[in-house]
Each structure stands twice: as structure tokens, then as C-alpha cells.
Amino acid sequence: MDWMISQKMNAEQMTLFLSQVSAAHPEDFIVMVLDGASSHKAKDLRRPDNIRFLALPPMPLNLTPRSICGMSFEKRNSRTGSSTTSPP
């Protein structure tokens, strides 16, 4: 796992992070999953040759665990016969 702490996130910092990841894994081909933040798609972002991006589709702002599952925990637990009505 690669990470970097920065006081701001912009294309310059994202480029620095990508360079750090590329240098740490020079023999690897890296597919990085990104959420579409502005620093991930800035025009002046420089991507090393051994890194490719996979962008997630836009997600609604009101996304919750229940909406991801498509049903409430109560409904799911009633199907399995569980008496628990809240997530573990």
C-alpha cells in the first residue's frame, strides 16, 4: 500500500504521489482506481508510463450503506431468519 500525506490536493501533489508510487514499483504495471476528484483528471496531471487509471462512475451524494445494498438491514435479516435488526 502506498500513501502520501499532503496539506493540499491538486494536480501537482497528485503527480508527486504518482511519481512516488511508480518509483516504488518500477517493474509493476499499476491500475489505480480513482473516484473522479478534480486532481485525478486535471489537464496538467502527469501520469507515469507504468500507471493506468480506472475511473469509478459518478456516485450520488446521498449514498448510504443501505442504498448500496438495495435493501435495509431489517429486510435482509428477515429473509435469513436472523433476529438482529441492525448491522453488526
PDB file of N, CA and C in Angstrom:
ATOM      1  N   MET A   1       0.854  -1.174   0.000  1.00  0.00           N
ATOM      2  CA  MET A   1       0.000   0.000   0.000  1.00  0.00           C
ATOM      3  C   MET A   1       0.894   1.229   0.000  1.00  0.00           C
ATOM      4  N   ASP A   2       0.607   2.143  -0.867  1.00  0.00           N
ATOM      5  CA  ASP A   2       1.365   3.382  -0.962  1.00  0.00           C
ATOM      6  C   ASP A   2       0.484   4.544  -0.545  1.00  0.00           C
ATOM      7  N   TRP A   3       1.076   5.500   0.137  1.00  0.00           N
ATOM      8  CA  TRP A   3       0.309   6.649   0.596  1.00  0.00           C
ATOM      9  C   TRP A   3       1.238   7.847   0.724  1.00  0.00           C
ATOM     10  N   MET A   4       0.607   9.025   0.824  1.00  0.00           N
ATOM     11  CA  MET A   4       1.350  10.265   0.993  1.00  0.00           C
ATOM     12  C   MET A   4       0.477  11.244   1.767  1.00  0.00           C
ATOM     13  N   ILE A   5       1.062  11.927   2.709  1.00  0.00           N
ATOM     14  CA  ILE A   5       0.343  12.967   3.447  1.00  0.00           C
ATOM     15  C   ILE A   5       0.681  14.314   2.809  1.00  0.00           C
ATOM     16  N   SER A   6      -0.351  15.088   2.565  1.00  0.00           N
ATOM     17  CA  SER A   6      -0.169  16.394   1.947  1.00  0.00           C
ATOM     18  C   SER A   6      -1.163  17.367   2.552  1.00  0.00           C
ATOM     19  N   GLN A   7      -0.775  18.631   2.649  1.00  0.00           N
ATOM     20  CA  GLN A   7      -1.682  19.637   3.198  1.00  0.00           C
ATOM     21  C   GLN A   7      -2.736  20.084   2.185  1.00  0.00           C
ATOM     22  N   LYS A   8      -2.517  19.774   0.934  1.00  0.00           N
ATOM     23  CA  LYS A   8      -3.499  20.117  -0.094  1.00  0.00           C
ATOM     24  C   LYS A   8      -3.483  19.036  -1.163  1.00  0.00           C
ATOM     25  N   MET A   9      -4.544  18.978  -1.920  1.00  0.00           N
ATOM     26  CA  MET A   9      -4.614  18.011  -3.012  1.00  0.00           C
ATOM     27  C   MET A   9      -4.911  18.778  -4.280  1.00  0.00           C
ATOM     28  N   ASN A  10      -3.969  18.688  -5.205  1.00  0.00           N
ATOM     29  CA  ASN A  10      -4.122  19.324  -6.500  1.00  0.00           C
ATOM     30  C   ASN A  10      -3.331  18.487  -7.504  1.00  0.00           C
ATOM     31  N   ALA A  11      -3.295  18.939  -8.747  1.00  0.00           N
ATOM     32  CA  ALA A  11      -2.610  18.168  -9.785  1.00  0.00           C
ATOM     33  C   ALA A  11      -1.126  18.007  -9.475  1.00  0.00           C
ATOM     34  N   GLU A  12      -0.515  19.028  -8.929  1.00  0.00           N
ATOM     35  CA  GLU A  12       0.916  18.953  -8.591  1.00  0.00           C
ATOM     36  C   GLU A  12       1.178  17.878  -7.532  1.00  0.00           C
ATOM     37  N   GLN A  13       0.351  17.847  -6.486  1.00  0.00           N
ATOM     38  CA  GLN A  13       0.522  16.853  -5.427  1.00  0.00           C
ATOM     39  C   GLN A  13       0.181  15.448  -5.915  1.00  0.00           C
ATOM     40  N   MET A  14      -0.840  15.340  -6.765  1.00  0.00           N
ATOM     41  CA  MET A  14      -1.209  14.041  -7.317  1.00  0.00           C
ATOM     42  C   MET A  14      -0.097  13.515  -8.216  1.00  0.00           C
ATOM     43  N   THR A  15       0.512  14.384  -9.002  1.00  0.00           N
ATOM     44  CA  THR A  15       1.635  13.992  -9.847  1.00  0.00           C
ATOM     45  C   THR A  15       2.801  13.515  -8.997  1.00  0.00           C
ATOM     46  N   LEU A  16       3.066  14.212  -7.907  1.00  0.00           N
ATOM     47  CA  LEU A  16       4.131  13.807  -6.991  1.00  0.00           C
ATOM     48  C   LEU A  16       3.846  12.425  -6.401  1.00  0.00           C
ATOM     49  N   PHE A  17       2.592  12.190  -6.008  1.00  0.00           N
ATOM     50  CA  PHE A  17       2.204  10.886  -5.466  1.00  0.00           C
ATOM     51  C   PHE A  17       2.371   9.783  -6.517  1.00  0.00           C
ATOM     52  N   LEU A  18       1.925  10.036  -7.729  1.00  0.00           N
ATOM     53  CA  LEU A  18       2.058   9.039  -8.792  1.00  0.00           C
ATOM     54  C   LEU A  18       3.526   8.720  -9.066  1.00  0.00           C
ATOM     55  N   SER A  19       4.366   9.729  -9.037  1.00  0.00           N
ATOM     56  CA  SER A  19       5.806   9.506  -9.226  1.00  0.00           C
ATOM     57  C   SER A  19       6.375   8.650  -8.104  1.00  0.00           C
ATOM     58  N   GLN A  20       5.926   8.907  -6.887  1.00  0.00           N
ATOM     59  CA  GLN A  20       6.362   8.126  -5.722  1.00  0.00           C
ATOM     60  C   GLN A  20       5.951   6.663  -5.870  1.00  0.00           C
ATOM     61  N   VAL A  21       4.708   6.418  -6.269  1.00  0.00           N
ATOM     62  CA  VAL A  21       4.211   5.052  -6.452  1.00  0.00           C
ATOM     63  C   VAL A  21       4.977   4.364  -7.582  1.00  0.00           C
ATOM     64  N   SER A  22       5.170   5.056  -8.683  1.00  0.00           N
ATOM     65  CA  SER A  22       5.884   4.488  -9.815  1.00  0.00           C
ATOM     66  C   SER A  22       7.319   4.112  -9.439  1.00  0.00           C
ATOM     67  N   ALA A  23       7.995   4.987  -8.705  1.00  0.00           N
ATOM     68  CA  ALA A  23       9.378   4.724  -8.300  1.00  0.00           C
ATOM     69  C   ALA A  23       9.466   3.555  -7.318  1.00  0.00           C
ATOM     70  N   ALA A  24       8.445   3.383  -6.489  1.00  0.00           N
ATOM     71  CA  ALA A  24       8.431   2.283  -5.512  1.00  0.00           C
ATOM     72  C   ALA A  24       8.160   0.933  -6.181  1.00  0.00           C
ATOM     73  N   HIS A  25       7.560   0.955  -7.380  1.00  0.00           N
ATOM     74  CA  HIS A  25       7.183  -0.280  -8.083  1.00  0.00           C
ATOM     75  C   HIS A  25       7.590  -0.192  -9.560  1.00  0.00           C
ATOM     76  N   PRO A  26       8.873  -0.032  -9.842  1.00  0.00           N
ATOM     77  CA  PRO A  26       9.301   0.218 -11.226  1.00  0.00           C
ATOM     78  C   PRO A  26       9.056  -0.939 -12.195  1.00  0.00           C
ATOM     79  N   GLU A  27       8.968  -2.148 -11.686  1.00  0.00           N
ATOM     80  CA  GLU A  27       8.770  -3.313 -12.558  1.00  0.00           C
ATOM     81  C   GLU A  27       7.301  -3.715 -12.677  1.00  0.00           C
ATOM     82  N   ASP A  28       6.416  -2.999 -11.997  1.00  0.00           N
ATOM     83  CA  ASP A  28       4.997  -3.362 -11.966  1.00  0.00           C
ATOM     84  C   ASP A  28       4.176  -2.466 -12.878  1.00  0.00           C
ATOM     85  N   PHE A  29       3.088  -3.033 -13.390  1.00  0.00           N
ATOM     86  CA  PHE A  29       2.082  -2.267 -14.112  1.00  0.00           C
ATOM     87  C   PHE A  29       0.959  -2.029 -13.116  1.00  0.00           C
ATOM     88  N   ILE A  30       0.623  -0.791 -12.849  1.00  0.00           N
ATOM     89  CA  ILE A  30      -0.309  -0.432 -11.784  1.00  0.00           C
ATOM     90  C   ILE A  30      -1.606   0.103 -12.377  1.00  0.00           C
ATOM     91  N   VAL A  31      -2.721  -0.466 -11.931  1.00  0.00           N
ATOM     92  CA  VAL A  31      -4.039   0.064 -12.271  1.00  0.00           C
ATOM     93  C   VAL A  31      -4.565   0.726 -11.007  1.00  0.00           C
ATOM     94  N   MET A  32      -4.767   2.020 -11.079  1.00  0.00           N
ATOM     95  CA  MET A  32      -5.195   2.793  -9.919  1.00  0.00           C
ATOM     96  C   MET A  32      -6.663   3.169 -10.095  1.00  0.00           C
ATOM     97  N   VAL A  33      -7.480   2.802  -9.120  1.00  0.00           N
ATOM     98  CA  VAL A  33      -8.913   3.117  -9.157  1.00  0.00           C
ATOM     99  C   VAL A  33      -9.105   4.495  -8.531  1.00  0.00           C
ATOM    100  N   LEU A  34      -9.702   5.393  -9.290  1.00  0.00           N
ATOM    101  CA  LEU A  34      -9.887   6.775  -8.849  1.00  0.00           C
ATOM    102  C   LEU A  34     -11.358   7.135  -8.797  1.00  0.00           C
ATOM    103  N   ASP A  35     -11.681   8.093  -7.932  1.00  0.00           N
ATOM    104  CA  ASP A  35     -13.086   8.467  -7.751  1.00  0.00           C
ATOM    105  C   ASP A  35     -13.513   9.694  -8.553  1.00  0.00           C
ATOM    106  N   GLY A  36     -12.638  10.234  -9.380  1.00  0.00           N
ATOM    107  CA  GLY A  36     -13.036  11.351 -10.232  1.00  0.00           C
ATOM    108  C   GLY A  36     -12.825  12.714  -9.607  1.00  0.00           C
ATOM    109  N   ALA A  37     -12.061  12.795  -8.514  1.00  0.00           N
ATOM    110  CA  ALA A  37     -11.756  14.098  -7.920  1.00  0.00           C
ATOM    111  C   ALA A  37     -11.048  14.971  -8.952  1.00  0.00           C
ATOM    112  N   SER A  38     -11.148  16.275  -8.786  1.00  0.00           N
ATOM    113  CA  SER A  38     -10.578  17.178  -9.784  1.00  0.00           C
ATOM    114  C   SER A  38      -9.070  16.964  -9.963  1.00  0.00           C
ATOM    115  N   SER A  39      -8.362  16.608  -8.910  1.00  0.00           N
ATOM    116  CA  SER A  39      -6.916  16.375  -9.039  1.00  0.00           C
ATOM    117  C   SER A  39      -6.603  15.095  -9.811  1.00  0.00           C
ATOM    118  N   HIS A  40      -7.578  14.218  -9.950  1.00  0.00           N
ATOM    119  CA  HIS A  40      -7.382  12.969 -10.689  1.00  0.00           C
ATOM    120  C   HIS A  40      -7.521  13.155 -12.191  1.00  0.00           C
ATOM    121  N   LYS A  41      -8.141  14.240 -12.603  1.00  0.00           N
ATOM    122  CA  LYS A  41      -8.385  14.429 -14.032  1.00  0.00           C
ATOM    123  C   LYS A  41      -7.944  15.800 -14.536  1.00  0.00           C
ATOM    124  N   ALA A  42      -7.065  16.453 -13.783  1.00  0.00           N
ATOM    125  CA  ALA A  42      -6.557  17.767 -14.177  1.00  0.00           C
ATOM    126  C   ALA A  42      -5.742  17.667 -15.462  1.00  0.00           C
ATOM    127  N   LYS A  43      -5.825  18.688 -16.282  1.00  0.00           N
ATOM    128  CA  LYS A  43      -5.111  18.684 -17.560  1.00  0.00           C
ATOM    129  C   LYS A  43      -3.590  18.636 -17.383  1.00  0.00           C
ATOM    130  N   ASP A  44      -3.073  19.228 -16.301  1.00  0.00           N
ATOM    131  CA  ASP A  44      -1.624  19.248 -16.095  1.00  0.00           C
ATOM    132  C   ASP A  44      -1.123  18.090 -15.230  1.00  0.00           C
ATOM    133  N   LEU A  45      -1.974  17.096 -14.969  1.00  0.00           N
ATOM    134  CA  LEU A  45      -1.560  15.899 -14.238  1.00  0.00           C
ATOM    135  C   LEU A  45      -0.634  15.067 -15.123  1.00  0.00           C
ATOM    136  N   ARG A  46       0.471  14.634 -14.569  1.00  0.00           N
ATOM    137  CA  ARG A  46       1.421  13.800 -15.308  1.00  0.00           C
ATOM    138  C   ARG A  46       1.392  12.388 -14.739  1.00  0.00           C
ATOM    139  N   ARG A  47       1.068  11.424 -15.598  1.00  0.00           N
ATOM    140  CA  ARG A  47       0.951  10.026 -15.190  1.00  0.00           C
ATOM    141  C   ARG A  47       2.158   9.242 -15.690  1.00  0.00           C
ATOM    142  N   PRO A  48       2.872   8.549 -14.793  1.00  0.00           N
ATOM    143  CA  PRO A  48       3.989   7.707 -15.235  1.00  0.00           C
ATOM    144  C   PRO A  48       3.514   6.607 -16.186  1.00  0.00           C
ATOM    145  N   ASP A  49       4.420   6.115 -17.010  1.00  0.00           N
ATOM    146  CA  ASP A  49       4.076   5.113 -18.021  1.00  0.00           C
ATOM    147  C   ASP A  49       3.573   3.792 -17.443  1.00  0.00           C
ATOM    148  N   ASN A  50       3.979   3.456 -16.212  1.00  0.00           N
ATOM    149  CA  ASN A  50       3.568   2.167 -15.651  1.00  0.00           C
ATOM    150  C   ASN A  50       2.292   2.262 -14.802  1.00  0.00           C
ATOM    151  N   ILE A  51       1.578   3.379 -14.895  1.00  0.00           N
ATOM    152  CA  ILE A  51       0.326   3.548 -14.153  1.00  0.00           C
ATOM    153  C   ILE A  51      -0.794   3.880 -15.131  1.00  0.00           C
ATOM    154  N   ARG A  52      -1.907   3.191 -14.977  1.00  0.00           N
ATOM    155  CA  ARG A  52      -3.129   3.488 -15.739  1.00  0.00           C
ATOM    156  C   ARG A  52      -4.245   3.759 -14.749  1.00  0.00           C
ATOM    157  N   PHE A  53      -5.207   4.556 -15.159  1.00  0.00           N
ATOM    158  CA  PHE A  53      -6.328   4.925 -14.299  1.00  0.00           C
ATOM    159  C   PHE A  53      -7.586   4.152 -14.688  1.00  0.00           C
ATOM    160  N   LEU A  54      -8.336   3.781 -13.687  1.00  0.00           N
ATOM    161  CA  LEU A  54      -9.672   3.223 -13.852  1.00  0.00           C
ATOM    162  C   LEU A  54     -10.589   4.114 -13.035  1.00  0.00           C
ATOM    163  N   ALA A  55     -11.434   4.876 -13.706  1.00  0.00           N
ATOM    164  CA  ALA A  55     -12.297   5.837 -13.023  1.00  0.00           C
ATOM    165  C   ALA A  55     -13.621   5.188 -12.642  1.00  0.00           C
ATOM    166  N   LEU A  56     -14.024   5.394 -11.402  1.00  0.00           N
ATOM    167  CA  LEU A  56     -15.331   4.929 -10.947  1.00  0.00           C
ATOM    168  C   LEU A  56     -16.404   5.811 -11.573  1.00  0.00           C
ATOM    169  N   PRO A  57     -17.590   5.249 -11.827  1.00  0.00           N
ATOM    170  CA  PRO A  57     -18.681   6.100 -12.331  1.00  0.00           C
ATOM    171  C   PRO A  57     -19.111   7.072 -11.234  1.00  0.00           C
ATOM    172  N   PRO A  58     -19.676   8.205 -11.596  1.00  0.00           N
ATOM    173  CA  PRO A  58     -20.132   9.168 -10.589  1.00  0.00           C
ATOM    174  C   PRO A  58     -21.131   8.521  -9.630  1.00  0.00           C
ATOM    175  N   MET A  59     -20.986   8.822  -8.363  1.00  0.00           N
ATOM    176  CA  MET A  59     -21.875   8.283  -7.334  1.00  0.00           C
ATOM    177  C   MET A  59     -22.781   9.401  -6.817  1.00  0.00           C
ATOM    178  N   PRO A  60     -24.029   9.077  -6.473  1.00  0.00           N
ATOM    179  CA  PRO A  60     -24.917  10.098  -5.905  1.00  0.00           C
ATOM    180  C   PRO A  60     -24.374  10.575  -4.558  1.00  0.00           C
ATOM    181  N   LEU A  61     -24.613  11.835  -4.236  1.00  0.00           N
ATOM    182  CA  LEU A  61     -24.111  12.398  -2.985  1.00  0.00           C
ATOM    183  C   LEU A  61     -24.777  11.798  -1.755  1.00  0.00           C
ATOM    184  N   ASN A  62     -25.982  11.254  -1.894  1.00  0.00           N
ATOM    185  CA  ASN A  62     -26.711  10.711  -0.751  1.00  0.00           C
ATOM    186  C   ASN A  62     -26.498   9.203  -0.593  1.00  0.00           C
ATOM    187  N   LEU A  63     -25.386   8.695  -1.043  1.00  0.00           N
ATOM    188  CA  LEU A  63     -25.103   7.267  -0.982  1.00  0.00           C
ATOM    189  C   LEU A  63     -24.943   6.808   0.462  1.00  0.00           C
ATOM    190  N   THR A  64     -25.626   5.740   0.824  1.00  0.00           N
ATOM    191  CA  THR A  64     -25.536   5.167   2.167  1.00  0.00           C
ATOM    192  C   THR A  64     -25.334   3.660   2.036  1.00  0.00           C
ATOM    193  N   PRO A  65     -24.876   2.996   3.111  1.00  0.00           N
ATOM    194  CA  PRO A  65     -24.758   1.534   3.045  1.00  0.00           C
ATOM    195  C   PRO A  65     -26.068   0.865   2.639  1.00  0.00           C
ATOM    196  N   ARG A  66     -27.182   1.397   3.109  1.00  0.00           N
ATOM    197  CA  ARG A  66     -28.471   0.792   2.764  1.00  0.00           C
ATOM    198  C   ARG A  66     -28.790   0.946   1.280  1.00  0.00           C
ATOM    199  N   SER A  67     -28.481   2.103   0.717  1.00  0.00           N
ATOM    200  CA  SER A  67     -28.781   2.284  -0.705  1.00  0.00           C
ATOM    201  C   SER A  67     -27.827   1.479  -1.582  1.00  0.00           C
ATOM    202  N   ILE A  68     -26.619   1.219  -1.100  1.00  0.00           N
ATOM    203  CA  ILE A  68     -25.685   0.392  -1.853  1.00  0.00           C
ATOM    204  C   ILE A  68     -26.198  -1.038  -1.929  1.00  0.00           C
ATOM    205  N   CYS A  69     -26.694  -1.548  -0.803  1.00  0.00           N
ATOM    206  CA  CYS A  69     -27.184  -2.930  -0.740  1.00  0.00           C
ATOM    207  C   CYS A  69     -28.511  -3.099  -1.465  1.00  0.00           C
ATOM    208  N   GLY A  70     -29.250  -2.032  -1.616  1.00  0.00           N
ATOM    209  CA  GLY A  70     -30.532  -2.114  -2.291  1.00  0.00           C
ATOM    210  C   GLY A  70     -31.681  -2.505  -1.389  1.00  0.00           C
ATOM    211  N   MET A  71     -31.394  -2.699  -0.108  1.00  0.00           N
ATOM    212  CA  MET A  71     -32.451  -3.018   0.856  1.00  0.00           C
ATOM    213  C   MET A  71     -31.956  -2.672   2.241  1.00  0.00           C
ATOM    214  N   SER A  72     -32.859  -2.546   3.152  1.00  0.00           N
ATOM    215  CA  SER A  72     -32.461  -2.233   4.522  1.00  0.00           C
ATOM    216  C   SER A  72     -31.924  -3.480   5.216  1.00  0.00           C
ATOM    217  N   PHE A  73     -31.180  -3.274   6.281  1.00  0.00           N
ATOM    218  CA  PHE A  73     -30.654  -4.399   7.046  1.00  0.00           C
ATOM    219  C   PHE A  73     -31.801  -5.236   7.623  1.00  0.00           C
ATOM    220  N   GLU A  74     -32.884  -4.559   8.007  1.00  0.00           N
ATOM    221  CA  GLU A  74     -34.015  -5.278   8.587  1.00  0.00           C
ATOM    222  C   GLU A  74     -34.609  -6.262   7.584  1.00  0.00           C
ATOM    223  N   LYS A  75     -34.801  -5.817   6.341  1.00  0.00           N
ATOM    224  CA  LYS A  75     -35.359  -6.696   5.315  1.00  0.00           C
ATOM    225  C   LYS A  75     -34.422  -7.865   5.034  1.00  0.00           C
ATOM    226  N   ARG A  76     -33.130  -7.572   4.945  1.00  0.00           N
ATOM    227  CA  ARG A  76     -32.172  -8.633   4.646  1.00  0.00           C
ATOM    228  C   ARG A  76     -32.159  -9.658   5.783  1.00  0.00           C
ATOM    229  N   ASN A  77     -32.168  -9.197   7.029  1.00  0.00           N
ATOM    230  CA  ASN A  77     -32.140 -10.117   8.157  1.00  0.00           C
ATOM    231  C   ASN A  77     -33.431 -10.922   8.260  1.00  0.00           C
ATOM    232  N   SER A  78     -34.565 -10.340   7.880  1.00  0.00           N
ATOM    233  CA  SER A  78     -35.814 -11.087   7.931  1.00  0.00           C
ATOM    234  C   SER A  78     -35.807 -12.214   6.910  1.00  0.00           C
ATOM    235  N   ARG A  79     -35.111 -12.049   5.801  1.00  0.00           N
ATOM    236  CA  ARG A  79     -35.018 -13.103   4.792  1.00  0.00           C
ATOM    237  C   ARG A  79     -34.201 -14.289   5.302  1.00  0.00           C
ATOM    238  N   THR A  80     -33.167 -13.982   6.116  1.00  0.00           N
ATOM    239  CA  THR A  80     -32.292 -15.054   6.594  1.00  0.00           C
ATOM    240  C   THR A  80     -32.763 -15.650   7.913  1.00  0.00           C
ATOM    241  N   GLY A  81     -33.817 -15.065   8.495  1.00  0.00           N
ATOM    242  CA  GLY A  81     -34.333 -15.586   9.749  1.00  0.00           C
ATOM    243  C   GLY A  81     -33.592 -15.043  10.960  1.00  0.00           C
ATOM    244  N   SER A  82     -32.719 -14.097  10.770  1.00  0.00           N
ATOM    245  CA  SER A  82     -31.952 -13.531  11.877  1.00  0.00           C
ATOM    246  C   SER A  82     -32.850 -12.616  12.685  1.00  0.00           C
ATOM    247  N   SER A  83     -32.634 -12.586  13.995  1.00  0.00           N
ATOM    248  CA  SER A  83     -33.432 -11.700  14.835  1.00  0.00           C
ATOM    249  C   SER A  83     -32.760 -10.339  15.012  1.00  0.00           C
ATOM    250  N   THR A  84     -31.577 -10.176  14.466  1.00  0.00           N
ATOM    251  CA  THR A  84     -30.865  -8.900  14.584  1.00  0.00           C
ATOM    252  C   THR A  84     -31.442  -7.922  13.574  1.00  0.00           C
ATOM    253  N   THR A  85     -31.731  -6.686  14.038  1.00  0.00           N
ATOM    254  CA  THR A  85     -32.311  -5.708  13.138  1.00  0.00           C
ATOM    255  C   THR A  85     -31.370  -4.547  12.837  1.00  0.00           C
ATOM    256  N   SER A  86     -30.116  -4.640  13.248  1.00  0.00           N
ATOM    257  CA  SER A  86     -29.158  -3.597  12.935  1.00  0.00           C
ATOM    258  C   SER A  86     -27.872  -4.229  12.455  1.00  0.00           C
ATOM    259  N   PRO A  87     -27.065  -3.452  11.744  1.00  0.00           N
ATOM    260  CA  PRO A  87     -25.812  -4.013  11.227  1.00  0.00           C
ATOM    261  C   PRO A  87     -24.867  -4.374  12.362  1.00  0.00           C
ATOM    262  N   PRO A  88     -24.009  -5.396  12.157  1.00  0.00           N
ATOM    263  CA  PRO A  88     -23.078  -5.786  13.212  1.00  0.00           C
ATOM    264  C   PRO A  88     -22.065  -4.712  13.499  1.00  0.00           C
TER     265      PRO A  88
END
